[in-house]
C-alpha atoms as a PDB file:
ATOM      1  CA  MET A   1      16.613  10.074   3.086  1.00  0.00           C
ATOM      2  CA  SER A   2      14.639   7.595   3.431  1.00  0.00           C
ATOM      3  CA  THR A   3      14.791   7.519   6.809  1.00  0.00           C
ATOM      4  CA  LEU A   4      12.278  10.037   7.383  1.00  0.00           C
ATOM      5  CA  LEU A   5       9.552   7.829   6.092  1.00  0.00           C
ATOM      6  CA  ASN A   6      10.812   5.489   8.883  1.00  0.00           C
ATOM      7  CA  ILE A   7       9.873   2.218   6.827  1.00  0.00           C
ATOM      8  CA  THR A   8      12.130  -0.947   6.756  1.00  0.00           C
ATOM      9  CA  VAL A   9      12.017  -4.070   4.909  1.00  0.00           C
ATOM     10  CA  SER A  10      12.097  -5.736   8.525  1.00  0.00           C
ATOM     11  CA  ASP A  11       9.009  -3.151   9.243  1.00  0.00           C
ATOM     12  CA  VAL A  12       7.037  -4.421   6.462  1.00  0.00           C
ATOM     13  CA  LEU A  13       7.955  -8.405   7.493  1.00  0.00           C
ATOM     14  CA  GLN A  14       6.744  -8.053  10.791  1.00  0.00           C
ATOM     15  CA  PHE A  15       3.346  -6.421   9.452  1.00  0.00           C
ATOM     16  CA  VAL A  16       3.256  -9.549   7.275  1.00  0.00           C
ATOM     17  CA  SER A  17       4.185 -12.089   9.995  1.00  0.00           C
ATOM     18  CA  ASP A  18       1.599 -10.391  12.535  1.00  0.00           C
ATOM     19  CA  LEU A  19      -1.794  -9.846   9.965  1.00  0.00           C
ATOM     20  CA  ARG A  20      -0.875 -13.812   9.637  1.00  0.00           C
ATOM     21  CA  GLY A  21      -0.911 -14.618  13.036  1.00  0.00           C
ATOM     22  CA  GLU A  22       2.937 -16.148  13.107  1.00  0.00           C
ATOM     23  CA  SER A  23       4.475 -15.758  16.701  1.00  0.00           C
ATOM     24  CA  THR A  24       8.035 -14.943  14.841  1.00  0.00           C
ATOM     25  CA  LEU A  25       9.209 -12.798  12.266  1.00  0.00           C
ATOM     26  CA  ASN A  26       9.662 -14.761   8.989  1.00  0.00           C
ATOM     27  CA  THR A  27      12.457 -13.027   6.874  1.00  0.00           C
ATOM     28  CA  ASP A  28      12.804 -15.330   4.047  1.00  0.00           C
ATOM     29  CA  ALA A  29      14.015 -14.320   0.985  1.00  0.00           C
ATOM     30  CA  SER A  30      10.366 -14.890  -0.928  1.00  0.00           C
ATOM     31  CA  ARG A  31       9.140 -12.601   1.780  1.00  0.00           C
ATOM     32  CA  ILE A  32      11.643  -9.895   1.007  1.00  0.00           C
ATOM     33  CA  ARG A  33      11.269 -10.211  -2.490  1.00  0.00           C
ATOM     34  CA  ALA A  34       7.151  -9.838  -2.123  1.00  0.00           C
ATOM     35  CA  VAL A  35       8.376  -6.534  -0.666  1.00  0.00           C
ATOM     36  CA  SER A  36      10.701  -5.196  -2.919  1.00  0.00           C
ATOM     37  CA  ARG A  37       7.968  -5.976  -5.587  1.00  0.00           C
ATOM     38  CA  ALA A  38       5.667  -3.945  -3.378  1.00  0.00           C
ATOM     39  CA  ASN A  39       7.987  -0.930  -3.274  1.00  0.00           C
ATOM     40  CA  GLN A  40       8.474  -0.952  -6.988  1.00  0.00           C
ATOM     41  CA  THR A  41       4.121  -1.441  -7.553  1.00  0.00           C
ATOM     42  CA  ILE A  42       4.230   1.629  -5.008  1.00  0.00           C
ATOM     43  CA  ALA A  43       6.807   3.929  -6.762  1.00  0.00           C
ATOM     44  CA  LYS A  44       5.205   3.496 -10.651  1.00  0.00           C
ATOM     45  CA  LYS A  45       1.632   3.747  -9.518  1.00  0.00           C
ATOM     46  CA  ARG A  46       2.373   7.929  -9.892  1.00  0.00           C
ATOM     47  CA  ARG A  47       4.277  10.365  -9.509  1.00  0.00           C
ATOM     48  CA  TRP A  48       5.260  10.633  -5.540  1.00  0.00           C
ATOM     49  CA  LYS A  49       7.032  13.421  -4.246  1.00  0.00           C
ATOM     50  CA  PHE A  50       9.133  10.978  -2.347  1.00  0.00           C
ATOM     51  CA  TYR A  51      10.173   9.482  -5.472  1.00  0.00           C
ATOM     52  CA  ARG A  52      11.429  12.769  -7.017  1.00  0.00           C
ATOM     53  CA  VAL A  53      15.085  13.890  -7.517  1.00  0.00           C
ATOM     54  CA  GLU A  54      16.746  16.569  -9.519  1.00  0.00           C
ATOM     55  CA  LEU A  55      19.917  15.184 -11.206  1.00  0.00           C
ATOM     56  CA  THR A  56      22.644  17.164 -13.472  1.00  0.00           C
ATOM     57  CA  ALA A  57      24.793  16.260 -16.707  1.00  0.00           C
ATOM     58  CA  THR A  58      27.490  18.016 -18.677  1.00  0.00           C
ATOM     59  CA  GLY A  59      27.475  18.622 -22.604  1.00  0.00           C
ATOM     60  CA  ASP A  60      30.584  18.333 -24.461  1.00  0.00           C
ATOM     61  CA  GLY A  61      29.556  20.360 -27.268  1.00  0.00           C
ATOM     62  CA  SER A  62      28.477  17.646 -29.894  1.00  0.00           C
ATOM     63  CA  ALA A  63      25.945  14.980 -28.164  1.00  0.00           C
ATOM     64  CA  GLN A  64      22.252  15.593 -28.182  1.00  0.00           C
ATOM     65  CA  ASP A  65      21.405  12.382 -26.113  1.00  0.00           C
ATOM     66  CA  PHE A  66      22.558  12.091 -22.580  1.00  0.00           C
ATOM     67  CA  GLU A  67      22.007   9.355 -19.592  1.00  0.00           C
ATOM     68  CA  ILE A  68      19.410  10.159 -17.440  1.00  0.00           C
ATOM     69  CA  GLY A  69      19.424   8.590 -13.642  1.00  0.00           C
ATOM     70  CA  THR A  70      22.024   6.907 -12.147  1.00  0.00           C
ATOM     71  CA  ALA A  71      22.959   3.897 -10.348  1.00  0.00           C
ATOM     72  CA  VAL A  72      20.690   5.289  -7.521  1.00  0.00           C
ATOM     73  CA  TYR A  73      18.321   6.571  -8.665  1.00  0.00           C
ATOM     74  CA  ASN A  74      17.025   4.957 -12.149  1.00  0.00           C
ATOM     75  CA  MET A  75      14.373   6.270 -14.095  1.00  0.00           C
ATOM     76  CA  ARG A  76      10.974   4.787 -14.298  1.00  0.00           C
ATOM     77  CA  PRO A  77       9.611   4.741 -17.762  1.00  0.00           C
ATOM     78  CA  GLY A  78       7.916   8.010 -17.852  1.00  0.00           C
ATOM     79  CA  GLY A  79       9.536   9.609 -15.239  1.00  0.00           C
ATOM     80  CA  LEU A  80      11.186  12.457 -17.287  1.00  0.00           C
ATOM     81  CA  ALA A  81       9.642  15.705 -15.443  1.00  0.00           C
ATOM     82  CA  GLU A  82      12.045  18.368 -16.346  1.00  0.00           C
ATOM     83  CA  VAL A  83      14.810  19.783 -18.154  1.00  0.00           C
ATOM     84  CA  TYR A  84      16.791  22.799 -18.672  1.00  0.00           C
ATOM     85  CA  VAL A  85      19.969  23.558 -20.105  1.00  0.00           C
ATOM     86  CA  GLY A  86      22.670  25.939 -19.006  1.00  0.00           C
ATOM     87  CA  ALA A  87      20.235  27.518 -16.250  1.00  0.00           C
ATOM     88  CA  GLU A  88      17.132  26.738 -14.443  1.00  0.00           C
ATOM     89  CA  THR A  89      15.135  29.885 -16.246  1.00  0.00           C
ATOM     90  CA  GLU A  90      12.058  29.654 -18.492  1.00  0.00           C
ATOM     91  CA  ASP A  91      14.140  30.653 -21.322  1.00  0.00           C
ATOM     92  CA  ALA A  92      16.314  27.699 -20.738  1.00  0.00           C
ATOM     93  CA  LYS A  93      13.791  25.426 -20.132  1.00  0.00           C
ATOM     94  CA  TYR A  94      12.814  22.549 -22.462  1.00  0.00           C
ATOM     95  CA  ASP A  95       9.475  21.571 -23.177  1.00  0.00           C
ATOM     96  CA  ILE A  96       9.239  17.080 -23.183  1.00  0.00           C
ATOM     97  CA  ILE A  97       7.015  15.562 -25.902  1.00  0.00           C
ATOM     98  CA  ASP A  98       6.191  12.373 -27.160  1.00  0.00           C
ATOM     99  CA  PRO A  99       8.997  10.821 -29.796  1.00  0.00           C
ATOM    100  CA  GLN A 100       6.459  10.269 -32.389  1.00  0.00           C
ATOM    101  CA  ASP A 101       6.137  14.320 -32.335  1.00  0.00           C
ATOM    102  CA  TYR A 102       9.663  15.185 -32.301  1.00  0.00           C
ATOM    103  CA  LYS A 103      10.704  15.204 -35.776  1.00  0.00           C
ATOM    104  CA  TYR A 104       7.594  17.239 -37.025  1.00  0.00           C
ATOM    105  CA  LEU A 105       7.802  19.969 -34.775  1.00  0.00           C
ATOM    106  CA  VAL A 106      11.902  20.119 -35.107  1.00  0.00           C
ATOM    107  CA  THR A 107      11.417  20.370 -39.249  1.00  0.00           C
ATOM    108  CA  GLN A 108       8.512  22.938 -38.657  1.00  0.00           C
ATOM    109  CA  ASN A 109      11.281  24.972 -36.251  1.00  0.00           C
ATOM    110  CA  SER A 110      14.756  23.828 -36.234  1.00  0.00           C
ATOM    111  CA  THR A 111      15.344  26.309 -33.077  1.00  0.00           C
ATOM    112  CA  VAL A 112      12.698  25.033 -31.264  1.00  0.00           C
ATOM    113  CA  ARG A 113      14.036  23.484 -27.181  1.00  0.00           C
ATOM    114  CA  LEU A 114      12.526  20.100 -27.474  1.00  0.00           C
ATOM    115  CA  ALA A 115      13.321  16.970 -24.971  1.00  0.00           C
ATOM    116  CA  TYR A 116      12.187  13.329 -25.056  1.00  0.00           C
ATOM    117  CA  GLU A 117      13.049  10.482 -23.049  1.00  0.00           C
ATOM    118  CA  TRP A 118      13.977   7.491 -24.781  1.00  0.00           C
ATOM    119  CA  TYR A 119      15.582   3.927 -23.437  1.00  0.00           C
ATOM    120  CA  ASP A 120      18.947   2.245 -24.638  1.00  0.00           C
ATOM    121  CA  GLY A 121      18.072  -1.316 -24.565  1.00  0.00           C
ATOM    122  CA  ALA A 122      21.447  -2.107 -25.724  1.00  0.00           C
ATOM    123  CA  ASN A 123      23.247  -0.169 -22.560  1.00  0.00           C
ATOM    124  CA  ASP A 124      20.033  -0.746 -20.574  1.00  0.00           C
ATOM    125  CA  LYS A 125      19.450   3.106 -19.364  1.00  0.00           C
ATOM    126  CA  TRP A 126      17.470   5.695 -19.617  1.00  0.00           C
ATOM    127  CA  MET A 127      18.493   8.531 -22.524  1.00  0.00           C
ATOM    128  CA  VAL A 128      17.229  12.083 -23.272  1.00  0.00           C
ATOM    129  CA  HIS A 129      17.648  13.224 -26.718  1.00  0.00           C
ATOM    130  CA  LEU A 130      17.348  17.338 -26.938  1.00  0.00           C
ATOM    131  CA  SER A 131      16.762  18.969 -30.284  1.00  0.00           C
ATOM    132  CA  GLN A 132      19.355  21.514 -29.400  1.00  0.00           C
ATOM    133  CA  VAL A 133      23.619  20.520 -28.840  1.00  0.00           C
ATOM    134  CA  PRO A 134      24.239  22.487 -25.680  1.00  0.00           C
ATOM    135  CA  ASP A 135      27.809  23.545 -25.164  1.00  0.00           C
ATOM    136  CA  ASP A 136      31.157  21.998 -24.036  1.00  0.00           C
ATOM    137  CA  THR A 137      30.960  21.714 -20.196  1.00  0.00           C
ATOM    138  CA  GLU A 138      27.004  23.577 -20.500  1.00  0.00           C
ATOM    139  CA  THR A 139      25.095  21.933 -17.756  1.00  0.00           C
ATOM    140  CA  ILE A 140      21.890  20.086 -18.540  1.00  0.00           C
ATOM    141  CA  TYR A 141      19.552  20.564 -15.108  1.00  0.00           C
ATOM    142  CA  TYR A 142      16.891  17.542 -14.896  1.00  0.00           C
ATOM    143  CA  THR A 143      14.420  16.081 -12.675  1.00  0.00           C
ATOM    144  CA  ILE A 144      13.193  12.248 -13.226  1.00  0.00           C
ATOM    145  CA  TYR A 145      11.182   9.823 -11.083  1.00  0.00           C
ATOM    146  CA  TYR A 146      12.758   7.422  -9.837  1.00  0.00           C
ATOM    147  CA  LEU A 147      12.249   3.561  -9.423  1.00  0.00           C
ATOM    148  CA  PRO A 148      13.725   1.768  -6.159  1.00  0.00           C
ATOM    149  CA  ALA A 149      16.413  -0.863  -6.565  1.00  0.00           C
ATOM    150  CA  LYS A 150      15.471  -4.027  -5.416  1.00  0.00           C
ATOM    151  CA  LYS A 151      16.110  -4.854  -1.777  1.00  0.00           C
ATOM    152  CA  THR A 152      17.408  -7.577  -0.293  1.00  0.00           C
ATOM    153  CA  GLU A 153      18.010  -6.999   3.133  1.00  0.00           C
ATOM    154  CA  THR A 154      15.865  -6.512   6.022  1.00  0.00           C
ATOM    155  CA  SER A 155      17.396  -3.376   7.231  1.00  0.00           C
ATOM    156  CA  ALA A 156      17.353  -1.888   3.410  1.00  0.00           C
ATOM    157  CA  SER A 157      14.641   1.021   3.521  1.00  0.00           C
ATOM    158  CA  VAL A 158      11.307   1.156   1.268  1.00  0.00           C
ATOM    159  CA  MET A 159       9.318   4.514   0.666  1.00  0.00           C
ATOM    160  CA  SER A 160       5.599   4.391   1.094  1.00  0.00           C
ATOM    161  CA  PRO A 161       2.704   6.540   1.751  1.00  0.00           C
ATOM    162  CA  ASP A 162       2.752   4.379   4.805  1.00  0.00           C
ATOM    163  CA  LEU A 163       3.269   0.738   6.004  1.00  0.00           C
ATOM    164  CA  ASP A 164      -0.358  -0.438   5.729  1.00  0.00           C
ATOM    165  CA  ALA A 165       0.379   0.476   1.912  1.00  0.00           C
ATOM    166  CA  ILE A 166       3.190  -1.087   1.188  1.00  0.00           C
ATOM    167  CA  GLY A 167       2.260  -4.310   3.848  1.00  0.00           C
ATOM    168  CA  ARG A 168      -0.689  -5.067   2.058  1.00  0.00           C
ATOM    169  CA  TYR A 169       0.569  -5.291  -1.290  1.00  0.00           C
ATOM    170  CA  THR A 170       3.227  -7.091   0.166  1.00  0.00           C
ATOM    171  CA  LEU A 171       0.769  -9.728   1.624  1.00  0.00           C
ATOM    172  CA  ALA A 172      -0.709  -9.793  -2.080  1.00  0.00           C
ATOM    173  CA  TYR A 173       2.148 -11.106  -3.186  1.00  0.00           C
ATOM    174  CA  ILE A 174       2.616 -13.742  -0.725  1.00  0.00           C
ATOM    175  CA  TYR A 175      -0.985 -15.253  -1.090  1.00  0.00           C
ATOM    176  CA  GLU A 176      -0.657 -14.648  -4.822  1.00  0.00           C
ATOM    177  CA  GLY A 177       0.655 -18.273  -5.184  1.00  0.00           C
ATOM    178  CA  GLU A 178      -1.139 -19.618  -2.072  1.00  0.00           C
ATOM    179  CA  ASP A 179      -4.835 -18.561  -1.861  1.00  0.00           C
ATOM    180  CA  GLU A 180      -6.498 -16.759  -4.909  1.00  0.00           C
ATOM    181  CA  ASP A 181      -9.495 -15.537  -2.254  1.00  0.00           C
ATOM    182  CA  LYS A 182      -7.220 -13.816   0.016  1.00  0.00           C
ATOM    183  CA  TYR A 183      -4.565 -12.547  -2.672  1.00  0.00           C
ATOM    184  CA  GLN A 184      -7.520 -10.736  -4.362  1.00  0.00           C
ATOM    185  CA  SER A 185      -8.485  -9.092  -1.205  1.00  0.00           C
ATOM    186  CA  GLU A 186      -5.459  -7.786   0.053  1.00  0.00           C
ATOM    187  CA  LEU A 187      -4.980  -6.530  -3.356  1.00  0.00           C
ATOM    188  CA  GLN A 188      -7.891  -4.541  -3.079  1.00  0.00           C
ATOM    189  CA  MET A 189      -7.334  -3.087   0.717  1.00  0.00           C
ATOM    190  CA  ALA A 190      -3.861  -2.455  -0.738  1.00  0.00           C
ATOM    191  CA  GLU A 191      -5.320  -0.287  -4.183  1.00  0.00           C
ATOM    192  CA  ALA A 192      -7.945   1.502  -2.083  1.00  0.00           C
ATOM    193  CA  ILE A 193      -5.307   2.588   0.974  1.00  0.00           C
ATOM    194  CA  VAL A 194      -2.653   4.100  -2.286  1.00  0.00           C
ATOM    195  CA  SER A 195      -6.145   5.626  -4.161  1.00  0.00           C
ATOM    196  CA  LYS A 196      -6.897   7.563  -0.988  1.00  0.00           C
ATOM    197  CA  TYR A 197      -3.082   9.070  -0.430  1.00  0.00           C
ATOM    198  CA  GLU A 198      -3.251   9.783  -4.595  1.00  0.00           C
ATOM    199  CA  ALA A 199      -6.363  11.867  -3.621  1.00  0.00           C
ATOM    200  CA  ASP A 200      -4.762  13.733  -0.790  1.00  0.00           C
ATOM    201  CA  ASP A 201      -1.620  14.149  -2.854  1.00  0.00           C
ATOM    202  CA  ASP A 202      -3.305  15.701  -5.390  1.00  0.00           C
ATOM    203  CA  GLY A 203      -5.250  17.967  -3.296  1.00  0.00           C
ATOM    204  CA  THR A 204      -4.021  21.580  -2.195  1.00  0.00           C
ATOM    205  CA  ASN A 205      -1.918  21.443   1.253  1.00  0.00           C
ATOM    206  CA  ILE A 206      -3.134  23.633   3.816  1.00  0.00           C
ATOM    207  CA  GLY A 207      -1.425  27.577   3.316  1.00  0.00           C
ATOM    208  CA  GLN A 208      -0.838  26.725  -0.243  1.00  0.00           C
ATOM    209  CA  VAL A 209      -2.270  27.298  -3.563  1.00  0.00           C
ATOM    210  CA  SER A 210      -2.798  25.125  -7.145  1.00  0.00           C
ATOM    211  CA  THR A 211      -1.337  25.690 -10.137  1.00  0.00           C
ATOM    212  CA  PHE A 212      -1.251  23.873 -13.188  1.00  0.00           C
ATOM    213  CA  GLY A 213       1.360  24.126 -16.452  1.00  0.00           C
ATOM    214  CA  ASN A 214       1.882  23.051 -19.662  1.00  0.00           C
ATOM    215  CA  ASN A 215       3.401  22.898 -23.119  1.00  0.00           C
ATOM    216  CA  ASN A 216       2.112  26.292 -24.126  1.00  0.00           C
ATOM    217  CA  ARG A 217       4.270  27.591 -20.536  1.00  0.00           C
ATOM    218  CA  GLY A 218       0.628  28.504 -19.201  1.00  0.00           C
ATOM    219  CA  ILE A 219       0.098  29.097 -15.667  1.00  0.00           C
ATOM    220  CA  GLY A 220      -2.890  29.425 -13.479  1.00  0.00           C
ATOM    221  CA  THR A 221      -3.678  29.634  -9.989  1.00  0.00           C
ATOM    222  CA  TYR A 222      -7.170  28.933  -8.513  1.00  0.00           C
END
């Protein structure tokens, strides 16, 4: 999967060493941590397509709260994107709302299909609460945007719009404790590169149409 983007921690470290004028590749643990931090920074910037994953859970006939994400695909805050119960059809879809609105809406209509994400601090995992109890063995389909795990090896893959973006963030984090001016400069360059990709990501690809949706299930094409 991530190898399709063809960026490794070693690639980023080589980029950093080249820009710093170092004759040999520096793979110190502190630099690997900087790459890992940069990787997670990019993942939290927006809902990137390459940090989206579809998963499932199974109802037991009584539970309304289900773990979302896995050891490999840890959900990021605000990462829940879709929830369906029983089938991936419009009538099986749950509207994802803010937990502060949940109680009010459920008291107004006890049959409404609503979901919200919440963090189980005691067990260190993200959960989804469903307004209706799924039947025993009923499948819950959900989509999340995940946060990549920390990287500790140079061979590990990282996902970024391109090498320059993650390399500039890594450089910024390395300079953070060394040179304030260079830190600010690299951070600004990294932000500018990511902003450019954000604009491209929001645009319509060649041969595609643009659509939008809302909690009222309205969809339009423009």
